[in-house]
PDB file of all heavy atoms in Angstrom:
ATOM      1  N   LEU A   1       3.648  -1.838  -7.454  1.00  0.00           N
ATOM      2  CA  LEU A   1       2.147  -1.897  -7.193  1.00  0.00           C
ATOM      3  C   LEU A   1       1.909  -3.072  -6.261  1.00  0.00           C
ATOM      4  O   LEU A   1       2.359  -4.173  -6.560  1.00  0.00           O
ATOM      5  CB  LEU A   1       1.356  -2.116  -8.505  1.00  0.00           C
ATOM      6  CG  LEU A   1      -0.125  -1.928  -8.449  1.00  0.00           C
ATOM      7  CD1 LEU A   1      -0.703  -1.710  -9.816  1.00  0.00           C
ATOM      8  CD2 LEU A   1      -0.844  -3.053  -7.746  1.00  0.00           C
ATOM      9  N   VAL A   2       1.336  -2.825  -5.112  1.00  0.00           N
ATOM     10  CA  VAL A   2       0.918  -3.849  -4.195  1.00  0.00           C
ATOM     11  C   VAL A   2      -0.620  -3.960  -4.109  1.00  0.00           C
ATOM     12  O   VAL A   2      -1.267  -2.954  -3.784  1.00  0.00           O
ATOM     13  CB  VAL A   2       1.501  -3.569  -2.762  1.00  0.00           C
ATOM     14  CG1 VAL A   2       1.155  -4.693  -1.826  1.00  0.00           C
ATOM     15  CG2 VAL A   2       3.066  -3.382  -2.830  1.00  0.00           C
ATOM     16  N   THR A   3      -1.128  -5.097  -4.436  1.00  0.00           N
ATOM     17  CA  THR A   3      -2.601  -5.300  -4.377  1.00  0.00           C
ATOM     18  C   THR A   3      -3.005  -5.563  -2.903  1.00  0.00           C
ATOM     19  O   THR A   3      -2.237  -6.134  -2.124  1.00  0.00           O
ATOM     20  CB  THR A   3      -3.107  -6.394  -5.299  1.00  0.00           C
ATOM     21  OG1 THR A   3      -2.586  -7.657  -4.821  1.00  0.00           O
ATOM     22  CG2 THR A   3      -2.642  -6.201  -6.706  1.00  0.00           C
ATOM     23  N   GLY A   4      -4.212  -5.165  -2.582  1.00  0.00           N
ATOM     24  CA  GLY A   4      -4.694  -5.370  -1.208  1.00  0.00           C
ATOM     25  C   GLY A   4      -3.805  -4.705  -0.125  1.00  0.00           C
ATOM     26  O   GLY A   4      -3.508  -5.249   0.893  1.00  0.00           O
ATOM     27  N   ALA A   5      -3.375  -3.502  -0.448  1.00  0.00           N
ATOM     28  CA  ALA A   5      -2.350  -2.796   0.332  1.00  0.00           C
ATOM     29  C   ALA A   5      -2.899  -1.840   1.412  1.00  0.00           C
ATOM     30  O   ALA A   5      -2.196  -1.069   2.037  1.00  0.00           O
ATOM     31  CB  ALA A   5      -1.357  -2.111  -0.490  1.00  0.00           C
ATOM     32  N   ASN A   6      -4.235  -1.695   1.490  1.00  0.00           N
ATOM     33  CA  ASN A   6      -4.817  -0.752   2.438  1.00  0.00           C
ATOM     34  C   ASN A   6      -4.777  -1.293   3.910  1.00  0.00           C
ATOM     35  O   ASN A   6      -4.996  -0.536   4.823  1.00  0.00           O
ATOM     36  CB  ASN A   6      -6.234  -0.440   2.061  1.00  0.00           C
ATOM     37  CG  ASN A   6      -7.113  -1.638   2.061  1.00  0.00           C
ATOM     38  OD1 ASN A   6      -7.017  -2.456   1.126  1.00  0.00           O
ATOM     39  ND2 ASN A   6      -8.056  -1.765   3.045  1.00  0.00           N
ATOM     40  N   GLN A   7      -4.487  -2.638   4.019  1.00  0.00           N
ATOM     41  CA  GLN A   7      -4.421  -3.227   5.402  1.00  0.00           C
ATOM     42  C   GLN A   7      -3.523  -4.414   5.398  1.00  0.00           C
ATOM     43  O   GLN A   7      -3.071  -4.866   4.376  1.00  0.00           O
ATOM     44  CB  GLN A   7      -5.850  -3.577   5.853  1.00  0.00           C
ATOM     45  CG  GLN A   7      -6.456  -4.696   5.030  1.00  0.00           C
ATOM     46  CD  GLN A   7      -7.867  -5.123   5.508  1.00  0.00           C
ATOM     47  OE1 GLN A   7      -8.256  -4.710   6.560  1.00  0.00           O
ATOM     48  NE2 GLN A   7      -8.564  -5.870   4.654  1.00  0.00           N
ATOM     49  N   GLY A   8      -3.297  -4.921   6.556  1.00  0.00           N
ATOM     50  CA  GLY A   8      -2.577  -6.222   6.722  1.00  0.00           C
ATOM     51  C   GLY A   8      -1.217  -6.238   6.156  1.00  0.00           C
ATOM     52  O   GLY A   8      -0.447  -5.226   6.151  1.00  0.00           O
ATOM     53  N   MET A   9      -0.831  -7.427   5.633  1.00  0.00           N
ATOM     54  CA  MET A   9       0.531  -7.599   5.070  1.00  0.00           C
ATOM     55  C   MET A   9       0.864  -6.735   3.944  1.00  0.00           C
ATOM     56  O   MET A   9       1.942  -6.228   3.733  1.00  0.00           O
ATOM     57  CB  MET A   9       0.795  -9.075   4.787  1.00  0.00           C
ATOM     58  CG  MET A   9       1.061  -9.882   6.028  1.00  0.00           C
ATOM     59  SD  MET A   9       1.811 -11.518   5.629  1.00  0.00           S
ATOM     60  CE  MET A   9       0.469 -12.227   4.699  1.00  0.00           C
ATOM     61  N   GLY A  10      -0.170  -6.502   3.054  1.00  0.00           N
ATOM     62  CA  GLY A  10       0.040  -5.661   1.888  1.00  0.00           C
ATOM     63  C   GLY A  10       0.429  -4.266   2.288  1.00  0.00           C
ATOM     64  O   GLY A  10       1.327  -3.640   1.705  1.00  0.00           O
ATOM     65  N   ASN A  11      -0.259  -3.699   3.364  1.00  0.00           N
ATOM     66  CA  ASN A  11       0.083  -2.418   3.882  1.00  0.00           C
ATOM     67  C   ASN A  11       1.480  -2.415   4.417  1.00  0.00           C
ATOM     68  O   ASN A  11       2.263  -1.442   4.233  1.00  0.00           O
ATOM     69  CB  ASN A  11      -0.977  -2.059   4.915  1.00  0.00           C
ATOM     70  CG  ASN A  11      -0.696  -0.663   5.466  1.00  0.00           C
ATOM     71  OD1 ASN A  11      -0.118  -0.434   6.519  1.00  0.00           O
ATOM     72  ND2 ASN A  11      -1.237   0.341   4.700  1.00  0.00           N
ATOM     73  N   GLN A  12       1.865  -3.478   5.134  1.00  0.00           N
ATOM     74  CA  GLN A  12       3.233  -3.484   5.702  1.00  0.00           C
ATOM     75  C   GLN A  12       4.297  -3.564   4.592  1.00  0.00           C
ATOM     76  O   GLN A  12       5.366  -2.904   4.699  1.00  0.00           O
ATOM     77  CB  GLN A  12       3.359  -4.739   6.645  1.00  0.00           C
ATOM     78  CG  GLN A  12       4.723  -4.888   7.261  1.00  0.00           C
ATOM     79  CD  GLN A  12       5.033  -3.768   8.257  1.00  0.00           C
ATOM     80  OE1 GLN A  12       4.113  -3.208   8.843  1.00  0.00           O
ATOM     81  NE2 GLN A  12       6.325  -3.481   8.424  1.00  0.00           N
ATOM     82  N   VAL A  13       4.006  -4.356   3.597  1.00  0.00           N
ATOM     83  CA  VAL A  13       4.972  -4.478   2.484  1.00  0.00           C
ATOM     84  C   VAL A  13       5.122  -3.038   1.758  1.00  0.00           C
ATOM     85  O   VAL A  13       6.226  -2.583   1.479  1.00  0.00           O
ATOM     86  CB  VAL A  13       4.539  -5.485   1.417  1.00  0.00           C
ATOM     87  CG1 VAL A  13       5.378  -5.472   0.141  1.00  0.00           C
ATOM     88  CG2 VAL A  13       4.580  -6.885   2.059  1.00  0.00           C
ATOM     89  N   ALA A  14       3.973  -2.382   1.521  1.00  0.00           N
ATOM     90  CA  ALA A  14       3.998  -1.048   0.922  1.00  0.00           C
ATOM     91  C   ALA A  14       4.764  -0.069   1.774  1.00  0.00           C
ATOM     92  O   ALA A  14       5.637   0.669   1.300  1.00  0.00           O
ATOM     93  CB  ALA A  14       2.595  -0.544   0.712  1.00  0.00           C
ATOM     94  N   LYS A  15       4.614  -0.148   3.039  1.00  0.00           N
ATOM     95  CA  LYS A  15       5.258   0.766   3.986  1.00  0.00           C
ATOM     96  C   LYS A  15       6.781   0.545   3.904  1.00  0.00           C
ATOM     97  O   LYS A  15       7.558   1.525   3.926  1.00  0.00           O
ATOM     98  CB  LYS A  15       4.754   0.490   5.432  1.00  0.00           C
ATOM     99  CG  LYS A  15       5.272   1.435   6.477  1.00  0.00           C
ATOM    100  CD  LYS A  15       4.764   0.996   7.866  1.00  0.00           C
ATOM    101  CE  LYS A  15       3.249   0.923   7.912  1.00  0.00           C
ATOM    102  NZ  LYS A  15       2.738   0.582   9.265  1.00  0.00           N
ATOM    103  N   GLU A  16       7.215  -0.674   3.984  1.00  0.00           N
ATOM    104  CA  GLU A  16       8.663  -0.950   3.937  1.00  0.00           C
ATOM    105  C   GLU A  16       9.289  -0.594   2.622  1.00  0.00           C
ATOM    106  O   GLU A  16      10.434  -0.105   2.590  1.00  0.00           O
ATOM    107  CB  GLU A  16       8.935  -2.402   4.359  1.00  0.00           C
ATOM    108  CG  GLU A  16       8.463  -2.735   5.787  1.00  0.00           C
ATOM    109  CD  GLU A  16       9.046  -3.995   6.314  1.00  0.00           C
ATOM    110  OE1 GLU A  16      10.252  -4.310   6.087  1.00  0.00           O
ATOM    111  OE2 GLU A  16       8.291  -4.746   7.021  1.00  0.00           O
ATOM    112  N   LEU A  17       8.574  -0.848   1.535  1.00  0.00           N
ATOM    113  CA  LEU A  17       9.136  -0.443   0.211  1.00  0.00           C
ATOM    114  C   LEU A  17       9.254   1.044   0.081  1.00  0.00           C
ATOM    115  O   LEU A  17      10.244   1.606  -0.440  1.00  0.00           O
ATOM    116  CB  LEU A  17       8.273  -1.010  -0.856  1.00  0.00           C
ATOM    117  CG  LEU A  17       8.284  -2.574  -1.057  1.00  0.00           C
ATOM    118  CD1 LEU A  17       7.268  -2.957  -2.084  1.00  0.00           C
ATOM    119  CD2 LEU A  17       9.715  -3.002  -1.445  1.00  0.00           C
ATOM    120  N   VAL A  18       8.263   1.791   0.525  1.00  0.00           N
ATOM    121  CA  VAL A  18       8.323   3.266   0.519  1.00  0.00           C
ATOM    122  C   VAL A  18       9.506   3.726   1.346  1.00  0.00           C
ATOM    123  O   VAL A  18      10.204   4.715   0.974  1.00  0.00           O
ATOM    124  CB  VAL A  18       6.987   3.867   0.991  1.00  0.00           C
ATOM    125  CG1 VAL A  18       7.161   5.343   1.271  1.00  0.00           C
ATOM    126  CG2 VAL A  18       5.878   3.649  -0.038  1.00  0.00           C
ATOM    127  N   ALA A  19       9.729   3.131   2.460  1.00  0.00           N
ATOM    128  CA  ALA A  19      10.887   3.480   3.331  1.00  0.00           C
ATOM    129  C   ALA A  19      12.186   3.244   2.623  1.00  0.00           C
ATOM    130  O   ALA A  19      13.184   3.900   2.877  1.00  0.00           O
ATOM    131  CB  ALA A  19      10.837   2.701   4.610  1.00  0.00           C
ATOM    132  N   ASP A  20      12.181   2.311   1.631  1.00  0.00           N
ATOM    133  CA  ASP A  20      13.396   2.065   0.832  1.00  0.00           C
ATOM    134  C   ASP A  20      13.636   3.069  -0.263  1.00  0.00           C
ATOM    135  O   ASP A  20      14.629   3.080  -0.958  1.00  0.00           O
ATOM    136  CB  ASP A  20      13.307   0.667   0.149  1.00  0.00           C
ATOM    137  CG  ASP A  20      13.436  -0.491   1.109  1.00  0.00           C
ATOM    138  OD1 ASP A  20      13.991  -0.275   2.281  1.00  0.00           O
ATOM    139  OD2 ASP A  20      12.996  -1.605   0.826  1.00  0.00           O
ATOM    140  N   GLY A  21      12.607   3.945  -0.494  1.00  0.00           N
ATOM    141  CA  GLY A  21      12.671   4.909  -1.616  1.00  0.00           C
ATOM    142  C   GLY A  21      11.899   4.498  -2.779  1.00  0.00           C
ATOM    143  O   GLY A  21      12.005   5.195  -3.826  1.00  0.00           O
ATOM    144  N   VAL A  22      11.162   3.461  -2.723  1.00  0.00           N
ATOM    145  CA  VAL A  22      10.356   2.939  -3.802  1.00  0.00           C
ATOM    146  C   VAL A  22       9.040   3.730  -3.946  1.00  0.00           C
ATOM    147  O   VAL A  22       8.417   4.014  -2.869  1.00  0.00           O
ATOM    148  CB  VAL A  22      10.017   1.445  -3.714  1.00  0.00           C
ATOM    149  CG1 VAL A  22       9.175   0.926  -4.856  1.00  0.00           C
ATOM    150  CG2 VAL A  22      11.308   0.622  -3.653  1.00  0.00           C
ATOM    151  N   THR A  23       8.576   4.081  -5.119  1.00  0.00           N
ATOM    152  CA  THR A  23       7.258   4.674  -5.288  1.00  0.00           C
ATOM    153  C   THR A  23       6.274   3.502  -5.378  1.00  0.00           C
ATOM    154  O   THR A  23       6.371   2.670  -6.209  1.00  0.00           O
ATOM    155  CB  THR A  23       7.198   5.488  -6.521  1.00  0.00           C
ATOM    156  OG1 THR A  23       8.075   6.618  -6.382  1.00  0.00           O
ATOM    157  CG2 THR A  23       5.779   6.105  -6.757  1.00  0.00           C
ATOM    158  N   VAL A  24       5.219   3.480  -4.498  1.00  0.00           N
ATOM    159  CA  VAL A  24       4.353   2.323  -4.387  1.00  0.00           C
ATOM    160  C   VAL A  24       2.927   2.787  -4.616  1.00  0.00           C
ATOM    161  O   VAL A  24       2.387   3.678  -3.950  1.00  0.00           O
ATOM    162  CB  VAL A  24       4.469   1.675  -2.996  1.00  0.00           C
ATOM    163  CG1 VAL A  24       3.480   0.468  -2.935  1.00  0.00           C
ATOM    164  CG2 VAL A  24       5.852   1.200  -2.753  1.00  0.00           C
ATOM    165  N   PHE A  25       2.299   2.119  -5.605  1.00  0.00           N
ATOM    166  CA  PHE A  25       0.798   2.293  -5.776  1.00  0.00           C
ATOM    167  C   PHE A  25       0.148   1.335  -4.745  1.00  0.00           C
ATOM    168  O   PHE A  25       0.413   0.130  -4.714  1.00  0.00           O
ATOM    169  CB  PHE A  25       0.405   1.818  -7.157  1.00  0.00           C
ATOM    170  CG  PHE A  25       0.636   2.871  -8.189  1.00  0.00           C
ATOM    171  CD1 PHE A  25       1.767   2.883  -8.996  1.00  0.00           C
ATOM    172  CD2 PHE A  25      -0.232   3.911  -8.360  1.00  0.00           C
ATOM    173  CE1 PHE A  25       1.998   3.789  -9.970  1.00  0.00           C
ATOM    174  CE2 PHE A  25      -0.017   4.925  -9.318  1.00  0.00           C
ATOM    175  CZ  PHE A  25       1.127   4.864 -10.161  1.00  0.00           C
ATOM    176  N   VAL A  26      -0.670   1.902  -3.835  1.00  0.00           N
ATOM    177  CA  VAL A  26      -1.304   1.202  -2.824  1.00  0.00           C
ATOM    178  C   VAL A  26      -2.664   0.776  -3.328  1.00  0.00           C
ATOM    179  O   VAL A  26      -3.671   1.581  -3.326  1.00  0.00           O
ATOM    180  CB  VAL A  26      -1.488   2.112  -1.577  1.00  0.00           C
ATOM    181  CG1 VAL A  26      -2.242   1.410  -0.457  1.00  0.00           C
ATOM    182  CG2 VAL A  26      -0.133   2.540  -1.054  1.00  0.00           C
ATOM    183  N   GLY A  27      -2.758  -0.451  -3.822  1.00  0.00           N
ATOM    184  CA  GLY A  27      -3.964  -0.967  -4.398  1.00  0.00           C
ATOM    185  C   GLY A  27      -5.008  -1.282  -3.288  1.00  0.00           C
ATOM    186  O   GLY A  27      -4.698  -1.892  -2.310  1.00  0.00           O
ATOM    187  N   SER A  28      -6.238  -0.759  -3.533  1.00  0.00           N
ATOM    188  CA  SER A  28      -7.327  -1.006  -2.558  1.00  0.00           C
ATOM    189  C   SER A  28      -8.644  -0.976  -3.291  1.00  0.00           C
ATOM    190  O   SER A  28      -8.949  -0.157  -4.150  1.00  0.00           O
ATOM    191  CB  SER A  28      -7.324   0.171  -1.548  1.00  0.00           C
ATOM    192  OG  SER A  28      -8.374   0.075  -0.682  1.00  0.00           O
ATOM    193  N   ARG A  29      -9.510  -1.977  -2.964  1.00  0.00           N
ATOM    194  CA  ARG A  29     -10.854  -1.981  -3.616  1.00  0.00           C
ATOM    195  C   ARG A  29     -11.587  -0.701  -3.210  1.00  0.00           C
ATOM    196  O   ARG A  29     -12.296  -0.159  -4.088  1.00  0.00           O
ATOM    197  CB  ARG A  29     -11.624  -3.167  -3.093  1.00  0.00           C
ATOM    198  CG  ARG A  29     -11.244  -4.500  -3.741  1.00  0.00           C
ATOM    199  CD  ARG A  29     -12.131  -5.658  -3.281  1.00  0.00           C
ATOM    200  NE  ARG A  29     -12.104  -5.826  -1.862  1.00  0.00           N
ATOM    201  CZ  ARG A  29     -12.909  -6.671  -1.153  1.00  0.00           C
ATOM    202  NH1 ARG A  29     -13.750  -7.391  -1.817  1.00  0.00           N
ATOM    203  NH2 ARG A  29     -12.783  -6.818   0.092  1.00  0.00           N
ATOM    204  N   ASP A  30     -11.474  -0.263  -2.001  1.00  0.00           N
ATOM    205  CA  ASP A  30     -12.148   0.941  -1.556  1.00  0.00           C
ATOM    206  C   ASP A  30     -11.179   2.120  -1.585  1.00  0.00           C
ATOM    207  O   ASP A  30     -10.142   2.113  -0.845  1.00  0.00           O
ATOM    208  CB  ASP A  30     -12.659   0.745  -0.110  1.00  0.00           C
ATOM    209  CG  ASP A  30     -13.472   1.940   0.412  1.00  0.00           C
ATOM    210  OD1 ASP A  30     -12.921   3.020   0.420  1.00  0.00           O
ATOM    211  OD2 ASP A  30     -14.621   1.674   0.850  1.00  0.00           O
ATOM    212  N   LEU A  31     -11.410   2.990  -2.499  1.00  0.00           N
ATOM    213  CA  LEU A  31     -10.470   4.111  -2.709  1.00  0.00           C
ATOM    214  C   LEU A  31     -10.270   4.976  -1.462  1.00  0.00           C
ATOM    215  O   LEU A  31      -9.142   5.434  -1.195  1.00  0.00           O
ATOM    216  CB  LEU A  31     -10.937   5.010  -3.833  1.00  0.00           C
ATOM    217  CG  LEU A  31      -9.946   6.161  -4.248  1.00  0.00           C
ATOM    218  CD1 LEU A  31      -8.561   5.678  -4.496  1.00  0.00           C
ATOM    219  CD2 LEU A  31     -10.487   6.944  -5.444  1.00  0.00           C
ATOM    220  N   ALA A  32     -11.272   5.192  -0.680  1.00  0.00           N
ATOM    221  CA  ALA A  32     -11.150   5.948   0.518  1.00  0.00           C
ATOM    222  C   ALA A  32     -10.222   5.307   1.589  1.00  0.00           C
ATOM    223  O   ALA A  32      -9.364   6.000   2.096  1.00  0.00           O
ATOM    224  CB  ALA A  32     -12.548   6.127   1.202  1.00  0.00           C
ATOM    225  N   ARG A  33     -10.320   4.002   1.647  1.00  0.00           N
ATOM    226  CA  ARG A  33      -9.409   3.270   2.554  1.00  0.00           C
ATOM    227  C   ARG A  33      -7.969   3.351   1.961  1.00  0.00           C
ATOM    228  O   ARG A  33      -7.035   3.436   2.727  1.00  0.00           O
ATOM    229  CB  ARG A  33      -9.879   1.846   2.743  1.00  0.00           C
ATOM    230  CG  ARG A  33     -11.148   1.705   3.499  1.00  0.00           C
ATOM    231  CD  ARG A  33     -11.541   0.277   3.696  1.00  0.00           C
ATOM    232  NE  ARG A  33     -12.789   0.142   4.490  1.00  0.00           N
ATOM    233  CZ  ARG A  33     -13.364  -1.008   4.727  1.00  0.00           C
ATOM    234  NH1 ARG A  33     -12.807  -2.163   4.356  1.00  0.00           N
ATOM    235  NH2 ARG A  33     -14.477  -1.036   5.459  1.00  0.00           N
ATOM    236  N   GLY A  34      -7.871   3.259   0.698  1.00  0.00           N
ATOM    237  CA  GLY A  34      -6.562   3.382   0.059  1.00  0.00           C
ATOM    238  C   GLY A  34      -5.944   4.677   0.255  1.00  0.00           C
ATOM    239  O   GLY A  34      -4.704   4.812   0.514  1.00  0.00           O
ATOM    240  N   ARG A  35      -6.705   5.753   0.216  1.00  0.00           N
ATOM    241  CA  ARG A  35      -6.224   7.133   0.474  1.00  0.00           C
ATOM    242  C   ARG A  35      -5.779   7.254   1.918  1.00  0.00           C
ATOM    243  O   ARG A  35      -4.709   7.840   2.167  1.00  0.00           O
ATOM    244  CB  ARG A  35      -7.269   8.142   0.145  1.00  0.00           C
ATOM    245  CG  ARG A  35      -7.480   8.372  -1.354  1.00  0.00           C
ATOM    246  CD  ARG A  35      -8.729   9.256  -1.642  1.00  0.00           C
ATOM    247  NE  ARG A  35      -8.784   9.585  -3.059  1.00  0.00           N
ATOM    248  CZ  ARG A  35      -9.922   9.969  -3.646  1.00  0.00           C
ATOM    249  NH1 ARG A  35     -11.039  10.104  -2.937  1.00  0.00           N
ATOM    250  NH2 ARG A  35      -9.958  10.242  -4.898  1.00  0.00           N
ATOM    251  N   THR A  36      -6.520   6.696   2.793  1.00  0.00           N
ATOM    252  CA  THR A  36      -6.148   6.742   4.241  1.00  0.00           C
ATOM    253  C   THR A  36      -4.828   6.053   4.492  1.00  0.00           C
ATOM    254  O   THR A  36      -3.951   6.500   5.157  1.00  0.00           O
ATOM    255  CB  THR A  36      -7.285   6.175   5.152  1.00  0.00           C
ATOM    256  OG1 THR A  36      -8.454   6.966   4.939  1.00  0.00           O
ATOM    257  CG2 THR A  36      -6.845   6.204   6.582  1.00  0.00           C
TER     258      THR A  36
END
């Protein structure tokens, strides 16, 4: 689980972990942005 992952460094961290095969919860205050 990465908090603040809809943008910036959190998004980059989530992206790289998913590329490793990790299942990542993309935490976002705004669910629509998190879904995007």
